[in-house]
N, C-alpha and C. Protein backbone atom coordinates (compact mmCIF):
# COMPACT_ATOMS: atom_id res chain seq x y z
N GLN A 1 0.85 -1.18 0.00
CA GLN A 1 0.00 0.00 0.00
C GLN A 1 0.88 1.23 0.00
N VAL A 2 0.60 2.14 -0.89
CA VAL A 2 1.38 3.37 -0.99
C VAL A 2 0.76 4.43 -0.10
N GLN A 3 1.60 5.04 0.68
CA GLN A 3 1.16 6.16 1.51
C GLN A 3 2.05 7.35 1.26
N LEU A 4 1.43 8.49 1.16
CA LEU A 4 2.16 9.74 0.92
C LEU A 4 1.89 10.68 2.08
N ALA A 5 2.94 11.22 2.64
CA ALA A 5 2.79 12.10 3.79
C ALA A 5 3.47 13.43 3.51
N GLU A 6 2.67 14.47 3.37
CA GLU A 6 3.22 15.80 3.12
C GLU A 6 3.52 16.51 4.43
N SER A 7 4.48 17.42 4.35
CA SER A 7 4.81 18.24 5.51
C SER A 7 5.46 19.53 5.05
N GLY A 8 5.50 20.50 5.94
CA GLY A 8 6.24 21.73 5.65
C GLY A 8 5.41 22.92 5.22
N GLY A 9 4.12 22.76 5.09
CA GLY A 9 3.30 23.89 4.72
C GLY A 9 3.28 24.93 5.83
N GLY A 10 2.75 26.09 5.51
CA GLY A 10 2.67 27.14 6.51
C GLY A 10 2.33 28.47 5.89
N SER A 11 2.56 29.51 6.66
CA SER A 11 2.25 30.87 6.21
C SER A 11 3.53 31.64 5.97
N VAL A 12 3.52 32.42 4.91
CA VAL A 12 4.70 33.21 4.56
C VAL A 12 4.22 34.49 3.89
N GLN A 13 5.04 35.51 4.00
CA GLN A 13 4.71 36.76 3.31
C GLN A 13 5.12 36.67 1.85
N ALA A 14 4.46 37.45 1.04
CA ALA A 14 4.80 37.50 -0.38
C ALA A 14 6.28 37.84 -0.54
N GLY A 15 6.92 37.11 -1.46
CA GLY A 15 8.35 37.28 -1.66
C GLY A 15 9.18 36.31 -0.85
N GLY A 16 8.55 35.62 0.07
CA GLY A 16 9.25 34.68 0.93
C GLY A 16 9.41 33.31 0.29
N SER A 17 9.98 32.40 1.09
CA SER A 17 10.26 31.05 0.60
C SER A 17 9.70 30.01 1.56
N LEU A 18 9.47 28.84 1.00
CA LEU A 18 8.94 27.73 1.78
C LEU A 18 9.37 26.43 1.11
N ARG A 19 9.60 25.42 1.92
CA ARG A 19 9.87 24.10 1.39
C ARG A 19 8.85 23.12 1.93
N ILE A 20 8.26 22.37 1.04
CA ILE A 20 7.34 21.31 1.45
C ILE A 20 7.91 19.97 1.01
N SER A 21 7.57 18.94 1.77
CA SER A 21 8.12 17.62 1.53
C SER A 21 7.02 16.59 1.44
N CYS A 22 7.34 15.50 0.77
CA CYS A 22 6.40 14.39 0.67
C CYS A 22 7.19 13.10 0.76
N ALA A 23 6.88 12.32 1.78
CA ALA A 23 7.54 11.03 1.97
C ALA A 23 6.62 9.93 1.48
N ALA A 24 7.14 9.09 0.60
CA ALA A 24 6.36 7.99 0.04
C ALA A 24 6.81 6.67 0.63
N SER A 25 5.86 5.85 0.98
CA SER A 25 6.18 4.50 1.45
C SER A 25 5.68 3.51 0.41
N GLY A 26 6.32 2.35 0.35
CA GLY A 26 5.85 1.32 -0.55
C GLY A 26 6.49 1.33 -1.92
N GLY A 27 7.62 2.00 -2.06
CA GLY A 27 8.33 1.94 -3.32
C GLY A 27 8.72 3.29 -3.86
N THR A 28 9.24 3.29 -5.07
CA THR A 28 9.62 4.55 -5.72
C THR A 28 8.68 4.79 -6.89
N TYR A 29 8.38 6.05 -7.13
CA TYR A 29 7.38 6.41 -8.11
C TYR A 29 7.75 7.70 -8.82
N ASN A 30 7.06 7.95 -9.89
CA ASN A 30 7.07 9.28 -10.48
C ASN A 30 6.23 10.15 -9.55
N MET A 31 6.74 11.34 -9.24
CA MET A 31 6.09 12.15 -8.21
C MET A 31 5.76 13.53 -8.75
N ALA A 32 4.77 14.13 -8.13
CA ALA A 32 4.39 15.48 -8.56
C ALA A 32 3.72 16.23 -7.41
N TRP A 33 3.69 17.52 -7.57
CA TRP A 33 2.96 18.39 -6.67
C TRP A 33 1.84 19.07 -7.44
N PHE A 34 0.68 19.06 -6.83
CA PHE A 34 -0.47 19.77 -7.36
C PHE A 34 -0.94 20.76 -6.30
N ARG A 35 -1.69 21.74 -6.72
CA ARG A 35 -2.24 22.67 -5.74
C ARG A 35 -3.67 23.01 -6.13
N GLN A 36 -4.41 23.39 -5.11
CA GLN A 36 -5.80 23.77 -5.34
C GLN A 36 -6.16 24.92 -4.41
N ALA A 37 -6.59 26.01 -4.99
CA ALA A 37 -7.05 27.15 -4.22
C ALA A 37 -8.57 27.07 -4.13
N PRO A 38 -9.15 27.68 -3.11
CA PRO A 38 -10.62 27.64 -2.96
C PRO A 38 -11.33 28.13 -4.23
N GLY A 39 -12.27 27.33 -4.69
CA GLY A 39 -13.05 27.71 -5.85
C GLY A 39 -12.36 27.49 -7.17
N LYS A 40 -11.17 26.93 -7.14
CA LYS A 40 -10.43 26.69 -8.38
C LYS A 40 -10.14 25.20 -8.56
N GLU A 41 -9.83 24.84 -9.78
CA GLU A 41 -9.50 23.45 -10.07
C GLU A 41 -8.08 23.14 -9.60
N ARG A 42 -7.86 21.88 -9.34
CA ARG A 42 -6.52 21.43 -8.98
C ARG A 42 -5.61 21.56 -10.20
N GLU A 43 -4.42 22.08 -9.99
CA GLU A 43 -3.50 22.27 -11.10
C GLU A 43 -2.14 21.66 -10.77
N GLY A 44 -1.51 21.14 -11.79
CA GLY A 44 -0.17 20.59 -11.63
C GLY A 44 0.84 21.70 -11.50
N VAL A 45 1.74 21.56 -10.53
CA VAL A 45 2.75 22.58 -10.27
C VAL A 45 4.13 22.13 -10.74
N ALA A 46 4.52 20.95 -10.32
CA ALA A 46 5.85 20.44 -10.68
C ALA A 46 5.83 18.93 -10.60
N ALA A 47 6.66 18.30 -11.40
CA ALA A 47 6.74 16.85 -11.42
C ALA A 47 8.18 16.42 -11.61
N ILE A 48 8.46 15.22 -11.11
CA ILE A 48 9.80 14.65 -11.26
C ILE A 48 9.66 13.17 -11.57
N SER A 49 10.47 12.70 -12.50
CA SER A 49 10.40 11.30 -12.88
C SER A 49 11.00 10.44 -11.77
N ARG A 50 10.70 9.16 -11.83
CA ARG A 50 11.17 8.23 -10.82
C ARG A 50 12.69 8.29 -10.65
N SER A 51 13.39 8.41 -11.76
CA SER A 51 14.86 8.45 -11.71
C SER A 51 15.38 9.81 -11.28
N GLY A 52 14.54 10.81 -11.39
CA GLY A 52 14.98 12.17 -11.09
C GLY A 52 15.56 12.88 -12.29
N ALA A 53 15.61 12.19 -13.42
CA ALA A 53 16.26 12.76 -14.59
C ALA A 53 15.42 13.83 -15.27
N ARG A 54 14.12 13.74 -15.10
CA ARG A 54 13.24 14.69 -15.78
C ARG A 54 12.37 15.44 -14.78
N THR A 55 12.21 16.70 -15.02
CA THR A 55 11.31 17.51 -14.22
C THR A 55 10.41 18.33 -15.15
N SER A 56 9.27 18.69 -14.64
CA SER A 56 8.32 19.52 -15.37
C SER A 56 7.77 20.57 -14.43
N TYR A 57 7.50 21.74 -14.99
CA TYR A 57 6.97 22.83 -14.17
C TYR A 57 5.84 23.54 -14.90
N ALA A 58 4.87 23.98 -14.14
CA ALA A 58 3.84 24.86 -14.69
C ALA A 58 4.50 26.19 -15.03
N ASP A 59 4.02 26.82 -16.07
CA ASP A 59 4.60 28.11 -16.49
C ASP A 59 4.57 29.14 -15.37
N SER A 60 3.54 29.06 -14.55
CA SER A 60 3.36 30.05 -13.50
C SER A 60 4.41 29.97 -12.39
N VAL A 61 5.14 28.86 -12.33
CA VAL A 61 6.12 28.70 -11.25
C VAL A 61 7.55 28.53 -11.76
N LYS A 62 7.72 28.47 -13.07
CA LYS A 62 9.06 28.28 -13.62
C LYS A 62 9.99 29.41 -13.15
N GLY A 63 11.17 29.01 -12.73
CA GLY A 63 12.15 29.98 -12.26
C GLY A 63 11.99 30.33 -10.79
N ARG A 64 10.89 29.91 -10.18
CA ARG A 64 10.66 30.22 -8.76
C ARG A 64 10.60 28.95 -7.91
N PHE A 65 10.08 27.87 -8.47
CA PHE A 65 9.93 26.61 -7.74
C PHE A 65 10.92 25.59 -8.27
N THR A 66 11.37 24.73 -7.38
CA THR A 66 12.27 23.64 -7.76
C THR A 66 11.81 22.36 -7.09
N ILE A 67 11.65 21.32 -7.89
CA ILE A 67 11.31 20.01 -7.35
C ILE A 67 12.56 19.14 -7.34
N SER A 68 12.71 18.38 -6.27
CA SER A 68 13.86 17.49 -6.18
C SER A 68 13.49 16.28 -5.32
N GLN A 69 14.40 15.31 -5.26
CA GLN A 69 14.13 14.13 -4.44
C GLN A 69 15.39 13.74 -3.71
N ASP A 70 15.22 12.96 -2.67
CA ASP A 70 16.38 12.52 -1.92
C ASP A 70 17.06 11.35 -2.62
N ASP A 71 18.20 10.94 -2.11
CA ASP A 71 18.97 9.88 -2.77
C ASP A 71 18.20 8.57 -2.83
N ALA A 72 17.39 8.31 -1.84
CA ALA A 72 16.61 7.08 -1.82
C ALA A 72 15.42 7.14 -2.76
N LYS A 73 15.14 8.33 -3.26
CA LYS A 73 14.03 8.56 -4.20
C LYS A 73 12.68 8.25 -3.58
N THR A 74 12.60 8.39 -2.26
CA THR A 74 11.32 8.16 -1.60
C THR A 74 10.74 9.43 -1.01
N THR A 75 11.50 10.50 -1.01
CA THR A 75 11.01 11.77 -0.52
C THR A 75 11.22 12.83 -1.59
N VAL A 76 10.19 13.57 -1.87
CA VAL A 76 10.27 14.61 -2.87
C VAL A 76 10.05 15.96 -2.18
N PHE A 77 10.79 16.94 -2.64
CA PHE A 77 10.73 18.27 -2.06
C PHE A 77 10.27 19.27 -3.10
N LEU A 78 9.61 20.30 -2.63
CA LEU A 78 9.27 21.43 -3.49
C LEU A 78 9.76 22.69 -2.79
N TYR A 79 10.79 23.28 -3.39
CA TYR A 79 11.32 24.54 -2.89
C TYR A 79 10.60 25.67 -3.61
N MET A 80 9.97 26.53 -2.83
CA MET A 80 9.17 27.61 -3.41
C MET A 80 9.78 28.94 -2.99
N ASN A 81 10.22 29.69 -3.98
CA ASN A 81 10.82 30.99 -3.73
C ASN A 81 9.97 32.09 -4.37
N SER A 82 10.20 33.31 -3.93
CA SER A 82 9.48 34.47 -4.48
C SER A 82 7.98 34.20 -4.51
N LEU A 83 7.47 33.72 -3.42
CA LEU A 83 6.06 33.33 -3.36
C LEU A 83 5.14 34.52 -3.56
N LYS A 84 4.05 34.26 -4.24
CA LYS A 84 3.04 35.26 -4.53
C LYS A 84 1.73 34.85 -3.87
N PRO A 85 0.84 35.78 -3.62
CA PRO A 85 -0.46 35.42 -3.04
C PRO A 85 -1.20 34.38 -3.88
N GLU A 86 -1.02 34.43 -5.18
CA GLU A 86 -1.71 33.46 -6.04
C GLU A 86 -1.11 32.05 -5.94
N ASP A 87 0.00 31.90 -5.24
CA ASP A 87 0.56 30.57 -5.01
C ASP A 87 -0.11 29.86 -3.83
N ALA A 88 -0.92 30.56 -3.10
CA ALA A 88 -1.55 29.97 -1.92
C ALA A 88 -2.55 28.89 -2.29
N GLY A 89 -2.68 27.93 -1.41
CA GLY A 89 -3.64 26.85 -1.63
C GLY A 89 -3.22 25.60 -0.90
N MET A 90 -3.98 24.56 -1.12
CA MET A 90 -3.62 23.26 -0.57
C MET A 90 -2.72 22.57 -1.58
N TYR A 91 -1.57 22.13 -1.13
CA TYR A 91 -0.62 21.46 -2.00
C TYR A 91 -0.68 19.96 -1.74
N TYR A 92 -0.87 19.23 -2.82
CA TYR A 92 -1.01 17.78 -2.73
C TYR A 92 0.17 17.09 -3.42
N CYS A 93 0.65 16.07 -2.79
CA CYS A 93 1.67 15.22 -3.38
C CYS A 93 0.98 14.06 -4.09
N ALA A 94 1.52 13.67 -5.23
CA ALA A 94 0.94 12.57 -5.99
C ALA A 94 2.04 11.64 -6.47
N ALA A 95 1.70 10.37 -6.56
CA ALA A 95 2.66 9.36 -7.03
C ALA A 95 2.03 8.56 -8.15
N GLY A 96 2.81 8.33 -9.19
CA GLY A 96 2.31 7.59 -10.33
C GLY A 96 3.23 6.44 -10.67
N VAL A 97 2.64 5.32 -11.03
CA VAL A 97 3.43 4.14 -11.41
C VAL A 97 4.09 4.36 -12.76
N TRP A 98 3.31 4.84 -13.72
CA TRP A 98 3.86 5.14 -15.04
C TRP A 98 3.26 6.46 -15.49
N VAL A 99 4.13 7.43 -15.77
CA VAL A 99 3.67 8.76 -16.15
C VAL A 99 4.40 9.20 -17.41
N ALA A 100 3.65 9.51 -18.44
CA ALA A 100 4.25 10.04 -19.66
C ALA A 100 4.76 11.46 -19.40
N TYR A 101 5.91 11.76 -19.92
CA TYR A 101 6.51 13.08 -19.67
C TYR A 101 5.57 14.19 -20.11
N SER A 102 4.88 13.98 -21.22
CA SER A 102 3.98 15.00 -21.75
C SER A 102 2.75 15.20 -20.86
N ALA A 103 2.49 14.26 -19.99
CA ALA A 103 1.31 14.33 -19.13
C ALA A 103 1.69 14.42 -17.65
N ALA A 104 2.89 14.86 -17.40
CA ALA A 104 3.40 14.85 -16.03
C ALA A 104 2.65 15.79 -15.09
N LEU A 105 1.99 16.79 -15.63
CA LEU A 105 1.26 17.73 -14.78
C LEU A 105 -0.24 17.51 -14.84
N ARG A 106 -0.65 16.37 -15.31
CA ARG A 106 -2.08 16.03 -15.33
C ARG A 106 -2.40 15.15 -14.14
N SER A 107 -3.44 15.48 -13.43
CA SER A 107 -3.79 14.71 -12.25
C SER A 107 -4.17 13.28 -12.60
N SER A 108 -4.70 13.08 -13.78
CA SER A 108 -5.12 11.73 -14.19
C SER A 108 -3.95 10.78 -14.38
N SER A 109 -2.72 11.32 -14.40
CA SER A 109 -1.54 10.48 -14.58
C SER A 109 -1.12 9.77 -13.30
N TYR A 110 -1.71 10.15 -12.18
CA TYR A 110 -1.22 9.69 -10.88
C TYR A 110 -2.21 8.78 -10.19
N ASN A 111 -1.65 7.78 -9.50
CA ASN A 111 -2.44 6.74 -8.87
C ASN A 111 -2.73 7.00 -7.39
N TYR A 112 -1.80 7.70 -6.74
CA TYR A 112 -1.89 7.85 -5.29
C TYR A 112 -1.74 9.33 -4.92
N TRP A 113 -2.45 9.69 -3.86
CA TRP A 113 -2.48 11.09 -3.44
C TRP A 113 -2.31 11.21 -1.93
N GLY A 114 -1.64 12.29 -1.53
CA GLY A 114 -1.53 12.60 -0.12
C GLY A 114 -2.71 13.42 0.33
N GLN A 115 -2.72 13.76 1.62
CA GLN A 115 -3.82 14.50 2.21
C GLN A 115 -3.71 16.00 1.99
N GLY A 116 -2.53 16.45 1.65
CA GLY A 116 -2.34 17.87 1.38
C GLY A 116 -1.71 18.63 2.52
N THR A 117 -1.05 19.71 2.18
CA THR A 117 -0.48 20.61 3.17
C THR A 117 -0.80 22.04 2.71
N GLN A 118 -1.22 22.85 3.66
CA GLN A 118 -1.69 24.19 3.32
C GLN A 118 -0.54 25.18 3.21
N VAL A 119 -0.59 25.98 2.16
CA VAL A 119 0.37 27.07 1.98
C VAL A 119 -0.41 28.37 1.90
N THR A 120 -0.07 29.29 2.77
CA THR A 120 -0.72 30.59 2.80
C THR A 120 0.31 31.67 2.51
N VAL A 121 -0.02 32.56 1.60
CA VAL A 121 0.90 33.65 1.24
C VAL A 121 0.17 34.97 1.44
N SER A 122 0.68 35.78 2.33
CA SER A 122 0.03 37.06 2.61
C SER A 122 0.73 38.18 1.84
N SER A 123 -0.06 39.11 1.40
CA SER A 123 0.50 40.23 0.61
C SER A 123 0.92 41.38 1.51
């Protein structure tokens, strides 16, 4: 059974930084971060392949966010810099058994989901 446990969310002022983490149990997977703000659809933010060789980013976060994984490839991190109020929302970790690179930011590509961690950005 795959379990995903997110941590590291919190409140930060605009322009600040935050790191969130997701620990996966039950194997190694293609991983991604999604976010959902109230009243909006869930959107893909960043993804990393199982090997770590490939990453994908939403245009809205390119140059500000970085996804990475630990050496064991069981924990994925999202480093968020220059945060904006529009970055706020619930951030969800997702794990996929097989994910096409072209679909790395689609929620339908992922099999398992975490409970989410809240990120608040004040202006």
